[in-house]
Amino acid sequence: MQKKYGIIANVIVEIPKPEEKQRQDSSKEKRVELHLHTQMSQMDGVSSVENLINRAASWGMEAIAITDHGVVQAFPEANKVSKDLDIKVIYGVEAYLVSDIEDAPSKARDLNTYVVFDIETTGLGFRTEKITEIGAVKIQDGKVIDEFETFVNPGKPIPPQVVAITNITDDMVKDADAIKEVMPKFLEFIKGCTLVAHNADFDIGFIRHNCEELGLEFNNKYIDTLALSRQLFPEFKKHKLGFVAEQLGIKVTNAHRALDDVNTLVRVFEKMQEAMEVKKSAAEGDNKETKTEGCKEAHKALPSYHAILLAKNEIGLKNLYKLISISHLEYFHKRPRILKSVFKKYSEGLILGSACEQGEVYSAVFGRKV
């Protein structure tokens, strides 16, 4: 049996840190913290708003913002504490913002000529991994008019775990052209076309990154059928291409090979366009009340991004309270969500910021969407 030691403390004396040893802000020009969480932020804050404001005041800061996740419960205490200190409190929130304004289904429904494409890679990160295969078909008036398929020599070994998924080996790509020869041909193939891909941000990230590396221009618009599936079929438990295809009655023959996945997606996208036409006809026949209820449910399928909302005056503070109430009472789905359409209605007096790495701006830059 392993020995275990125990310690019994008879007396514990807490000794406060000397004031001179505490962290100080020696900057002549004090900064203003615009992103701060109190203990009211679930799993993301442990300090009370009183302690935070007192510390900011002791450092000589003129103002400090309170931006808890989706709630404003710290505001009353913040107001009370700040009255006794020479510091201004900026009332705000780190919101979960949902982009419901852009009508992705209508854009996909009205497509006439487009390219459905897919890539295979050596791994997930476009900054470190390489493309091994590109497959694409060009659709016009519902018919395939051209195809593009090629292996790409990645210039590095394909990891065994990736080979197990894609069945693409080093021998299969060793004699293929490098991406610098392949990419100009692919860009010529997709010239002037909207692109369609499943989990498009992954594929587009690789394409855009390689184009930047090669000094090539890439500005095609694209539609993500993963996001589209979440909007059209919220009842599906999963939205991977194979699962969606199965639910729509489409047989998948060879998953994780570029052109095979493309051919599957072509049929899936056709079914999606049919579903969009049906929903469009149904929506046109529904009354206004039914449409509103549908909108309230549709937001659940859309991604949310962190955003900072700051009240710059009393009107903004009033609108902030309205947005928080609406997000909890009407659009709560795992988190209190603020729809962009609702924010637009109550945006007077509010400043909108991009928040952290889970914000829409940071995500777009990191994912090479811009």
Protein backbone atom coordinates (compact mmCIF):
# COMPACT_ATOMS: atom_id res chain seq x y z
CA MET A 1 0.00 0.00 0.00
CA GLN A 2 1.37 3.40 -1.03
CA LYS A 3 2.20 5.83 1.78
CA LYS A 4 0.18 9.04 1.85
CA TYR A 5 0.98 12.18 3.78
CA GLY A 6 -1.41 14.61 5.38
CA ILE A 7 -0.93 18.10 6.78
CA ILE A 8 -2.85 19.44 9.76
CA ALA A 9 -2.87 23.23 10.16
CA ASN A 10 -3.51 24.43 13.69
CA VAL A 11 -3.38 28.13 12.86
CA ILE A 12 -3.76 29.93 9.50
CA VAL A 13 -2.91 33.61 9.40
CA GLU A 14 -3.72 35.63 6.28
CA ILE A 15 -1.11 38.30 5.58
CA PRO A 16 -2.18 41.03 3.14
CA LYS A 17 0.25 42.02 0.43
CA PRO A 18 1.95 45.35 1.06
CA GLU A 19 0.39 48.05 -1.11
CA GLU A 20 3.71 48.91 -2.73
CA LYS A 21 4.12 45.34 -4.00
CA GLN A 22 0.74 45.20 -5.72
CA ARG A 23 0.65 45.62 -9.47
CA GLN A 24 0.62 49.25 -10.52
CA ASP A 25 -0.19 51.13 -13.73
CA SER A 26 2.65 53.56 -14.28
CA SER A 27 1.53 54.72 -17.75
CA LYS A 28 1.08 58.46 -18.12
CA GLU A 29 -1.86 57.96 -20.44
CA LYS A 30 -4.26 55.48 -18.86
CA ARG A 31 -6.12 53.05 -21.06
CA VAL A 32 -9.86 52.38 -20.90
CA GLU A 33 -10.83 48.71 -20.62
CA LEU A 34 -13.71 48.04 -23.05
CA HIS A 35 -13.99 44.27 -22.60
CA LEU A 36 -14.38 43.02 -19.05
CA HIS A 37 -16.20 40.14 -17.34
CA THR A 38 -17.40 40.04 -13.76
CA GLN A 39 -18.54 37.00 -11.83
CA MET A 40 -21.90 37.44 -13.58
CA SER A 41 -20.33 35.99 -16.76
CA GLN A 42 -20.91 32.25 -16.56
CA MET A 43 -17.60 30.35 -16.53
CA ASP A 44 -15.67 33.44 -17.61
CA GLY A 45 -15.29 35.75 -14.61
CA VAL A 46 -14.49 35.36 -10.91
CA SER A 47 -14.12 38.92 -9.64
CA SER A 48 -16.91 41.11 -8.33
CA VAL A 49 -17.70 44.31 -10.18
CA GLU A 50 -16.85 46.23 -6.97
CA ASN A 51 -13.30 44.83 -6.86
CA LEU A 52 -12.76 45.44 -10.56
CA ILE A 53 -13.90 49.06 -10.45
CA ASN A 54 -11.90 49.75 -7.30
CA ARG A 55 -8.77 48.34 -8.93
CA ALA A 56 -9.29 50.41 -12.08
CA ALA A 57 -9.82 53.55 -9.98
CA SER A 58 -6.68 52.85 -7.92
CA TRP A 59 -4.70 52.69 -11.17
CA GLY A 60 -6.01 56.10 -12.17
CA MET A 61 -8.24 54.93 -15.01
CA GLU A 62 -10.91 57.42 -15.97
CA ALA A 63 -13.43 54.86 -17.23
CA ILE A 64 -14.12 51.14 -17.43
CA ALA A 65 -16.69 49.11 -19.37
CA ILE A 66 -18.69 46.18 -18.00
CA THR A 67 -19.38 43.57 -20.72
CA ASP A 68 -20.65 40.33 -19.25
CA HIS A 69 -21.76 37.47 -21.50
CA GLY A 70 -25.38 38.09 -22.55
CA VAL A 71 -26.45 39.67 -19.22
CA VAL A 72 -26.47 43.05 -17.46
CA GLN A 73 -26.85 41.90 -13.86
CA ALA A 74 -23.72 43.72 -12.70
CA PHE A 75 -25.04 47.16 -13.67
CA PRO A 76 -26.78 48.12 -10.39
CA GLU A 77 -23.69 47.34 -8.26
CA ALA A 78 -21.42 49.02 -10.81
CA ASN A 79 -23.52 52.18 -10.63
CA LYS A 80 -23.47 52.17 -6.85
CA VAL A 81 -19.70 51.65 -6.57
CA SER A 82 -18.78 54.25 -9.21
CA LYS A 83 -20.67 57.02 -7.42
CA ASP A 84 -18.06 57.07 -4.64
CA LEU A 85 -15.10 56.97 -7.05
CA ASP A 86 -13.75 59.31 -9.69
CA ILE A 87 -14.38 56.84 -12.53
CA LYS A 88 -16.97 56.48 -15.28
CA VAL A 89 -18.69 53.16 -15.92
CA ILE A 90 -19.53 52.31 -19.53
CA TYR A 91 -22.48 49.94 -19.57
CA GLY A 92 -22.31 47.18 -22.15
CA VAL A 93 -22.58 43.49 -22.90
CA GLU A 94 -20.73 40.82 -24.85
CA ALA A 95 -23.62 39.71 -27.02
CA TYR A 96 -24.23 36.60 -29.08
CA LEU A 97 -24.99 38.22 -32.43
CA VAL A 98 -26.76 36.25 -35.17
CA SER A 99 -26.68 37.33 -38.82
CA ASP A 100 -30.28 36.76 -39.94
CA ILE A 101 -30.39 39.63 -42.46
CA GLU A 102 -28.60 37.91 -45.35
CA ASP A 103 -31.02 35.68 -47.25
CA ALA A 104 -28.78 32.73 -48.19
CA PRO A 105 -31.62 30.45 -49.36
CA SER A 106 -32.87 32.95 -51.93
CA LYS A 107 -29.35 33.38 -53.33
CA ALA A 108 -28.95 29.63 -53.68
CA ARG A 109 -32.45 29.17 -55.12
CA ASP A 110 -31.91 31.69 -57.91
CA LEU A 111 -28.53 30.34 -59.10
CA ASN A 112 -28.35 29.53 -62.81
CA THR A 113 -24.68 28.84 -63.58
CA TYR A 114 -22.42 27.71 -60.75
CA VAL A 115 -19.52 25.38 -59.86
CA VAL A 116 -19.81 22.69 -57.22
CA PHE A 117 -16.36 21.80 -55.91
CA ASP A 118 -14.45 19.92 -53.22
CA ILE A 119 -10.81 19.52 -52.23
CA GLU A 120 -8.82 16.90 -50.33
CA THR A 121 -5.85 17.93 -48.20
CA THR A 122 -3.04 16.60 -46.03
CA GLY A 123 -4.70 18.06 -42.92
CA LEU A 124 -7.04 20.69 -41.54
CA GLY A 125 -5.01 23.91 -41.31
CA PHE A 126 -4.64 25.80 -44.58
CA ARG A 127 -1.56 27.64 -43.29
CA THR A 128 0.44 24.44 -42.72
CA GLU A 129 -1.27 21.73 -44.81
CA LYS A 130 -1.47 21.22 -48.57
CA ILE A 131 -4.08 20.38 -51.20
CA THR A 132 -3.87 16.85 -52.66
CA GLU A 133 -6.91 16.80 -54.96
CA ILE A 134 -9.42 19.20 -56.53
CA GLY A 135 -12.71 18.12 -58.08
CA ALA A 136 -15.38 20.37 -59.59
CA VAL A 137 -18.33 20.33 -61.97
CA LYS A 138 -19.92 23.29 -63.73
CA ILE A 139 -23.72 23.40 -63.75
CA GLN A 140 -25.84 25.46 -66.16
CA ASP A 141 -29.63 25.32 -66.25
CA GLY A 142 -29.54 22.24 -64.05
CA LYS A 143 -27.15 20.28 -66.31
CA VAL A 144 -23.46 19.42 -65.96
CA ILE A 145 -21.60 21.17 -68.78
CA ASP A 146 -17.97 20.68 -67.68
CA GLU A 147 -15.75 18.83 -65.16
CA PHE A 148 -12.43 19.51 -63.46
CA GLU A 149 -10.50 16.80 -61.62
CA THR A 150 -6.83 16.56 -60.73
CA PHE A 151 -4.42 15.32 -58.11
CA VAL A 152 -1.99 17.85 -56.65
CA ASN A 153 1.50 17.01 -55.47
CA PRO A 154 1.56 18.43 -51.91
CA GLY A 155 5.36 18.35 -51.65
CA LYS A 156 5.11 16.54 -48.32
CA PRO A 157 4.06 13.06 -47.10
CA ILE A 158 0.36 12.44 -46.55
CA PRO A 159 -0.22 11.38 -42.92
CA PRO A 160 -1.44 7.78 -42.47
CA GLN A 161 -4.62 8.91 -40.71
CA VAL A 162 -5.49 11.10 -43.71
CA VAL A 163 -4.76 8.26 -46.15
CA ALA A 164 -7.20 6.12 -44.14
CA ILE A 165 -9.94 8.71 -44.69
CA THR A 166 -9.32 9.82 -48.28
CA ASN A 167 -7.60 6.71 -49.71
CA ILE A 168 -5.17 9.09 -51.44
CA THR A 169 -1.58 7.81 -51.08
CA ASP A 170 1.80 9.38 -51.74
CA ASP A 171 2.19 7.18 -54.85
CA MET A 172 -1.03 8.59 -56.31
CA VAL A 173 0.16 12.21 -56.12
CA LYS A 174 3.92 11.90 -56.63
CA ASP A 175 3.73 12.53 -60.39
CA ALA A 176 0.95 15.16 -60.18
CA ASP A 177 1.50 18.86 -60.84
CA ALA A 178 2.25 21.18 -57.92
CA ILE A 179 -0.35 23.69 -56.79
CA LYS A 180 1.41 26.50 -58.70
CA GLU A 181 0.55 24.71 -61.97
CA VAL A 182 -2.91 23.54 -60.89
CA MET A 183 -4.33 26.69 -59.33
CA PRO A 184 -4.29 28.91 -62.48
CA LYS A 185 -6.18 26.16 -64.37
CA PHE A 186 -8.75 25.86 -61.58
CA LEU A 187 -9.25 29.64 -61.47
CA GLU A 188 -9.87 29.64 -65.21
CA PHE A 189 -12.44 26.86 -64.77
CA ILE A 190 -14.40 28.76 -62.10
CA LYS A 191 -14.05 32.21 -63.69
CA GLY A 192 -17.19 34.29 -63.23
CA CYS A 193 -19.05 31.51 -61.37
CA THR A 194 -20.52 31.30 -57.89
CA LEU A 195 -19.00 28.38 -55.99
CA VAL A 196 -20.95 25.78 -54.03
CA ALA A 197 -19.27 23.62 -51.39
CA HIS A 198 -20.14 21.76 -48.20
CA ASN A 199 -18.43 23.37 -45.20
CA ALA A 200 -17.24 25.92 -47.74
CA ASP A 201 -15.10 27.92 -45.31
CA PHE A 202 -12.68 24.97 -45.15
CA ASP A 203 -12.26 24.67 -48.94
CA ILE A 204 -12.33 28.43 -49.57
CA GLY A 205 -9.69 28.95 -46.89
CA PHE A 206 -7.26 26.65 -48.73
CA ILE A 207 -8.04 28.16 -52.14
CA ARG A 208 -7.71 31.75 -50.96
CA HIS A 209 -4.50 31.06 -49.01
CA ASN A 210 -2.83 29.37 -51.97
CA CYS A 211 -3.92 32.14 -54.31
CA GLU A 212 -2.36 34.72 -52.00
CA GLU A 213 0.84 32.68 -51.81
CA LEU A 214 1.00 32.51 -55.62
CA GLY A 215 -0.02 36.12 -56.20
CA LEU A 216 -3.26 35.11 -57.95
CA GLU A 217 -6.59 36.93 -57.70
CA PHE A 218 -9.51 35.04 -56.19
CA ASN A 219 -12.81 36.85 -55.60
CA ASN A 220 -15.57 34.34 -56.43
CA LYS A 221 -18.71 34.43 -54.32
CA TYR A 222 -19.65 31.15 -52.67
CA ILE A 223 -22.52 29.32 -50.99
CA ASP A 224 -22.03 26.95 -48.06
CA THR A 225 -24.43 24.01 -48.23
CA LEU A 226 -23.58 23.11 -44.63
CA ALA A 227 -25.10 26.40 -43.44
CA LEU A 228 -27.90 25.97 -45.96
CA SER A 229 -28.69 22.50 -44.62
CA ARG A 230 -28.95 23.85 -41.08
CA GLN A 231 -31.46 26.44 -42.26
CA LEU A 232 -33.52 24.15 -44.50
CA PHE A 233 -33.46 20.99 -42.38
CA PRO A 234 -33.21 21.99 -38.70
CA GLU A 235 -34.75 18.63 -37.79
CA PHE A 236 -31.61 16.76 -38.95
CA LYS A 237 -29.42 15.61 -36.06
CA LYS A 238 -26.25 16.05 -38.13
CA HIS A 239 -25.39 18.01 -41.25
CA LYS A 240 -22.37 16.19 -42.64
CA LEU A 241 -22.66 15.66 -46.38
CA GLY A 242 -23.08 11.88 -46.16
CA PHE A 243 -25.79 12.14 -43.52
CA VAL A 244 -27.68 14.88 -45.37
CA ALA A 245 -27.49 12.86 -48.59
CA GLU A 246 -28.83 9.79 -46.81
CA GLN A 247 -31.72 11.75 -45.31
CA LEU A 248 -32.59 13.08 -48.78
CA GLY A 249 -32.55 9.60 -50.31
CA ILE A 250 -29.23 9.99 -52.14
CA LYS A 251 -26.80 7.05 -52.21
CA VAL A 252 -23.16 7.88 -51.41
CA THR A 253 -20.75 5.62 -53.29
CA ASN A 254 -17.25 6.82 -52.37
CA ALA A 255 -16.95 9.48 -49.68
CA HIS A 256 -13.88 11.69 -49.18
CA ARG A 257 -12.71 11.70 -52.78
CA ALA A 258 -13.06 15.09 -54.39
CA LEU A 259 -15.12 14.39 -57.51
CA ASP A 260 -17.22 11.71 -55.80
CA ASP A 261 -18.12 14.16 -53.03
CA VAL A 262 -18.86 16.78 -55.69
CA ASN A 263 -21.27 14.47 -57.53
CA THR A 264 -23.02 13.74 -54.24
CA LEU A 265 -23.23 17.45 -53.44
CA VAL A 266 -24.64 18.22 -56.90
CA ARG A 267 -27.62 15.97 -56.15
CA VAL A 268 -27.93 17.27 -52.58
CA PHE A 269 -27.93 20.87 -53.82
CA GLU A 270 -30.64 20.05 -56.37
CA LYS A 271 -32.79 18.67 -53.54
CA MET A 272 -32.07 21.81 -51.51
CA GLN A 273 -33.18 24.04 -54.37
CA GLU A 274 -36.40 22.03 -54.64
CA ALA A 275 -36.96 22.38 -50.89
CA MET A 276 -36.37 26.13 -51.15
CA GLU A 277 -38.98 26.45 -53.89
CA VAL A 278 -41.50 24.56 -51.77
CA LYS A 279 -40.78 26.75 -48.73
CA LYS A 280 -40.98 29.88 -50.86
CA SER A 281 -44.44 28.91 -52.15
CA ALA A 282 -45.59 27.99 -48.65
CA ALA A 283 -44.28 31.27 -47.21
CA GLU A 284 -46.08 33.31 -49.87
CA GLY A 285 -49.34 31.65 -48.92
CA ASP A 286 -48.87 32.01 -45.16
CA ASN A 287 -50.16 34.91 -43.12
CA LYS A 288 -47.89 37.42 -41.42
CA GLU A 289 -48.20 35.81 -38.00
CA THR A 290 -47.03 32.42 -39.27
CA LYS A 291 -44.07 34.05 -41.03
CA THR A 292 -43.02 35.74 -37.81
CA GLU A 293 -43.13 32.47 -35.90
CA GLY A 294 -41.03 30.83 -38.61
CA CYS A 295 -38.41 33.58 -38.34
CA LYS A 296 -38.20 33.10 -34.59
CA GLU A 297 -37.37 29.41 -35.08
CA ALA A 298 -35.06 29.85 -38.08
CA HIS A 299 -32.39 31.69 -36.06
CA LYS A 300 -31.56 28.48 -34.16
CA ALA A 301 -29.85 27.05 -37.25
CA LEU A 302 -27.62 30.11 -37.72
CA PRO A 303 -24.21 30.56 -36.06
CA SER A 304 -23.75 33.24 -33.42
CA TYR A 305 -20.70 35.47 -33.02
CA HIS A 306 -19.49 37.42 -30.02
CA ALA A 307 -19.90 41.18 -30.27
CA ILE A 308 -19.44 44.06 -27.84
CA LEU A 309 -22.34 46.48 -27.40
CA LEU A 310 -21.66 49.68 -25.45
CA ALA A 311 -24.24 52.26 -24.42
CA LYS A 312 -23.05 55.80 -25.17
CA ASN A 313 -26.08 57.57 -23.65
CA GLU A 314 -29.39 56.96 -21.87
CA ILE A 315 -31.15 56.04 -25.12
CA GLY A 316 -28.48 53.44 -25.77
CA LEU A 317 -28.82 52.04 -22.24
CA LYS A 318 -32.58 51.77 -22.68
CA ASN A 319 -32.13 49.99 -26.02
CA LEU A 320 -29.53 47.69 -24.50
CA TYR A 321 -32.03 46.60 -21.84
CA LYS A 322 -34.60 45.97 -24.59
CA LEU A 323 -32.16 43.84 -26.57
CA ILE A 324 -31.21 41.79 -23.51
CA SER A 325 -34.89 41.17 -22.68
CA ILE A 326 -35.72 40.15 -26.26
CA SER A 327 -32.68 37.87 -26.48
CA HIS A 328 -33.76 35.97 -23.36
CA LEU A 329 -37.51 35.90 -23.94
CA GLU A 330 -37.82 35.44 -27.70
CA TYR A 331 -34.52 34.19 -29.15
CA PHE A 332 -32.91 32.12 -26.42
CA HIS A 333 -31.24 29.00 -27.86
CA LYS A 334 -28.50 27.64 -25.61
CA ARG A 335 -27.55 31.30 -25.16
CA PRO A 336 -29.45 34.61 -25.30
CA ARG A 337 -29.16 35.52 -28.99
CA ILE A 338 -29.48 38.99 -30.50
CA LEU A 339 -30.51 38.93 -34.15
CA LYS A 340 -28.91 41.57 -36.37
CA SER A 341 -32.35 42.54 -37.64
CA VAL A 342 -33.47 43.19 -34.05
CA PHE A 343 -30.25 45.04 -33.21
CA LYS A 344 -30.79 47.28 -36.24
CA LYS A 345 -34.18 48.25 -34.82
CA TYR A 346 -32.74 49.17 -31.42
CA SER A 347 -29.24 50.34 -32.40
CA GLU A 348 -29.66 54.04 -31.51
CA GLY A 349 -27.24 55.10 -28.81
CA LEU A 350 -25.21 51.90 -29.04
CA ILE A 351 -21.65 51.26 -30.22
CA LEU A 352 -20.98 47.88 -31.87
CA GLY A 353 -17.54 46.27 -31.45
CA SER A 354 -16.01 43.07 -32.82
CA ALA A 355 -15.23 41.42 -29.43
CA CYS A 356 -12.75 38.54 -29.15
CA GLU A 357 -11.49 35.70 -31.37
CA GLN A 358 -15.07 34.39 -31.47
CA GLY A 359 -16.24 37.60 -33.08
CA GLU A 360 -17.30 37.72 -36.72
CA VAL A 361 -14.49 40.05 -37.84
CA TYR A 362 -11.70 37.99 -36.24
CA SER A 363 -13.21 34.74 -37.56
CA ALA A 364 -13.42 36.16 -41.09
CA VAL A 365 -9.80 37.36 -41.06
CA PHE A 366 -8.45 34.15 -39.52
CA GLY A 367 -10.45 32.00 -41.94
CA ARG A 368 -9.33 34.02 -44.99
CA LYS A 369 -12.92 35.07 -45.73
CA VAL A 370 -11.76 38.60 -46.44
